[in-house]
Amino acid sequence: MQGKSYSSMLQELSRDYYNHRISFEEYREKRRQILEYIDQQFNGRNAGEVIGSCGPLDSDDEATIPYSSYE
């Protein structure tokens, strides 16, 4: 995966799928590989590695994103 940016690889992959050059399964597998490389390089973790533990939400809990994240 040397020589190309991740963005250009994902664009090329999407274009190949859109133009029916690859199957949906091939698209998903290749996309997964690219996203794993991105995760390893920028987040320093391997695929499937869990950081912290989050249980299911209780009925009274809400999953929210702070407003400041939108600014």
C-alpha atoms as a PDB file:
ATOM      1  CA  MET A   1       0.000   0.000   0.000  1.00  0.00           C
ATOM      2  CA  GLN A   2       2.943   2.276  -0.502  1.00  0.00           C
ATOM      3  CA  GLY A   3       2.885   5.249  -2.853  1.00  0.00           C
ATOM      4  CA  LYS A   4      -0.828   6.128  -2.667  1.00  0.00           C
ATOM      5  CA  SER A   5      -2.753   8.029  -0.079  1.00  0.00           C
ATOM      6  CA  TYR A   6      -5.471   6.203   1.788  1.00  0.00           C
ATOM      7  CA  SER A   7      -7.985   8.648   0.380  1.00  0.00           C
ATOM      8  CA  SER A   8      -7.023   7.865  -3.212  1.00  0.00           C
ATOM      9  CA  MET A   9      -7.086   4.120  -2.504  1.00  0.00           C
ATOM     10  CA  LEU A  10     -10.616   4.368  -1.084  1.00  0.00           C
ATOM     11  CA  GLN A  11     -11.731   6.517  -4.027  1.00  0.00           C
ATOM     12  CA  GLU A  12     -10.297   4.046  -6.510  1.00  0.00           C
ATOM     13  CA  LEU A  13     -11.890   1.139  -4.673  1.00  0.00           C
ATOM     14  CA  SER A  14     -15.283   2.875  -4.649  1.00  0.00           C
ATOM     15  CA  ARG A  15     -14.959   3.659  -8.349  1.00  0.00           C
ATOM     16  CA  ASP A  16     -14.110   0.024  -9.133  1.00  0.00           C
ATOM     17  CA  TYR A  17     -17.161  -1.194  -7.244  1.00  0.00           C
ATOM     18  CA  TYR A  18     -19.450   1.455  -8.746  1.00  0.00           C
ATOM     19  CA  ASN A  19     -18.298   0.475 -12.259  1.00  0.00           C
ATOM     20  CA  HIS A  20     -18.859  -3.247 -11.489  1.00  0.00           C
ATOM     21  CA  ARG A  21     -15.168  -4.161 -11.789  1.00  0.00           C
ATOM     22  CA  ILE A  22     -15.241  -5.925  -8.418  1.00  0.00           C
ATOM     23  CA  SER A  23     -17.926  -7.752  -6.453  1.00  0.00           C
ATOM     24  CA  PHE A  24     -19.498  -6.455  -3.262  1.00  0.00           C
ATOM     25  CA  GLU A  25     -17.560  -9.048  -1.252  1.00  0.00           C
ATOM     26  CA  GLU A  26     -14.249  -7.950  -2.810  1.00  0.00           C
ATOM     27  CA  TYR A  27     -15.124  -4.310  -2.163  1.00  0.00           C
ATOM     28  CA  ARG A  28     -15.891  -4.960   1.505  1.00  0.00           C
ATOM     29  CA  GLU A  29     -12.745  -7.049   2.040  1.00  0.00           C
ATOM     30  CA  LYS A  30     -10.430  -4.499   0.415  1.00  0.00           C
ATOM     31  CA  ARG A  31     -12.127  -1.608   2.220  1.00  0.00           C
ATOM     32  CA  ARG A  32     -11.719  -3.454   5.536  1.00  0.00           C
ATOM     33  CA  GLN A  33      -8.000  -3.915   4.857  1.00  0.00           C
ATOM     34  CA  ILE A  34      -7.504  -0.234   4.041  1.00  0.00           C
ATOM     35  CA  LEU A  35      -9.440   0.869   7.127  1.00  0.00           C
ATOM     36  CA  GLU A  36      -7.362  -1.492   9.288  1.00  0.00           C
ATOM     37  CA  TYR A  37      -4.139   0.037   7.919  1.00  0.00           C
ATOM     38  CA  ILE A  38      -5.504   3.503   8.706  1.00  0.00           C
ATOM     39  CA  ASP A  39      -6.443   2.409  12.223  1.00  0.00           C
ATOM     40  CA  GLN A  40      -2.990   0.927  12.825  1.00  0.00           C
ATOM     41  CA  GLN A  41      -1.120   3.940  11.475  1.00  0.00           C
ATOM     42  CA  PHE A  42      -3.139   6.747  13.052  1.00  0.00           C
ATOM     43  CA  ASN A  43      -4.583   5.142  16.187  1.00  0.00           C
ATOM     44  CA  GLY A  44      -1.773   2.707  16.908  1.00  0.00           C
ATOM     45  CA  ARG A  45      -4.082  -0.255  17.374  1.00  0.00           C
ATOM     46  CA  ASN A  46      -4.813  -3.496  15.621  1.00  0.00           C
ATOM     47  CA  ALA A  47      -8.200  -4.470  14.254  1.00  0.00           C
ATOM     48  CA  GLY A  48     -10.498  -5.840  16.894  1.00  0.00           C
ATOM     49  CA  GLU A  49      -8.574  -4.297  19.772  1.00  0.00           C
ATOM     50  CA  VAL A  50     -10.995  -2.957  22.353  1.00  0.00           C
ATOM     51  CA  ILE A  51     -10.181   0.111  24.400  1.00  0.00           C
ATOM     52  CA  GLY A  52     -12.160   0.309  27.640  1.00  0.00           C
ATOM     53  CA  SER A  53     -15.434  -1.437  28.108  1.00  0.00           C
ATOM     54  CA  CYS A  54     -18.852  -0.128  27.344  1.00  0.00           C
ATOM     55  CA  GLY A  55     -21.911  -2.014  28.379  1.00  0.00           C
ATOM     56  CA  PRO A  56     -25.321  -1.722  26.823  1.00  0.00           C
ATOM     57  CA  LEU A  57     -27.256   1.459  27.505  1.00  0.00           C
ATOM     58  CA  ASP A  58     -29.923   1.363  30.174  1.00  0.00           C
ATOM     59  CA  SER A  59     -33.367   2.457  29.115  1.00  0.00           C
ATOM     60  CA  ASP A  60     -32.834   5.810  30.882  1.00  0.00           C
ATOM     61  CA  ASP A  61     -29.400   6.410  29.312  1.00  0.00           C
ATOM     62  CA  GLU A  62     -28.867   8.233  26.046  1.00  0.00           C
ATOM     63  CA  ALA A  63     -25.989   8.135  23.630  1.00  0.00           C
ATOM     64  CA  THR A  64     -25.188  11.764  22.903  1.00  0.00           C
ATOM     65  CA  ILE A  65     -22.497  13.776  21.221  1.00  0.00           C
ATOM     66  CA  PRO A  66     -21.588  17.024  22.967  1.00  0.00           C
ATOM     67  CA  TYR A  67     -22.683  20.134  21.097  1.00  0.00           C
ATOM     68  CA  SER A  68     -19.102  21.430  21.094  1.00  0.00           C
ATOM     69  CA  SER A  69     -18.183  18.572  18.727  1.00  0.00           C
ATOM     70  CA  TYR A  70     -20.223  20.218  15.971  1.00  0.00           C
ATOM     71  CA  GLU A  71     -18.383  23.536  16.080  1.00  0.00           C
END
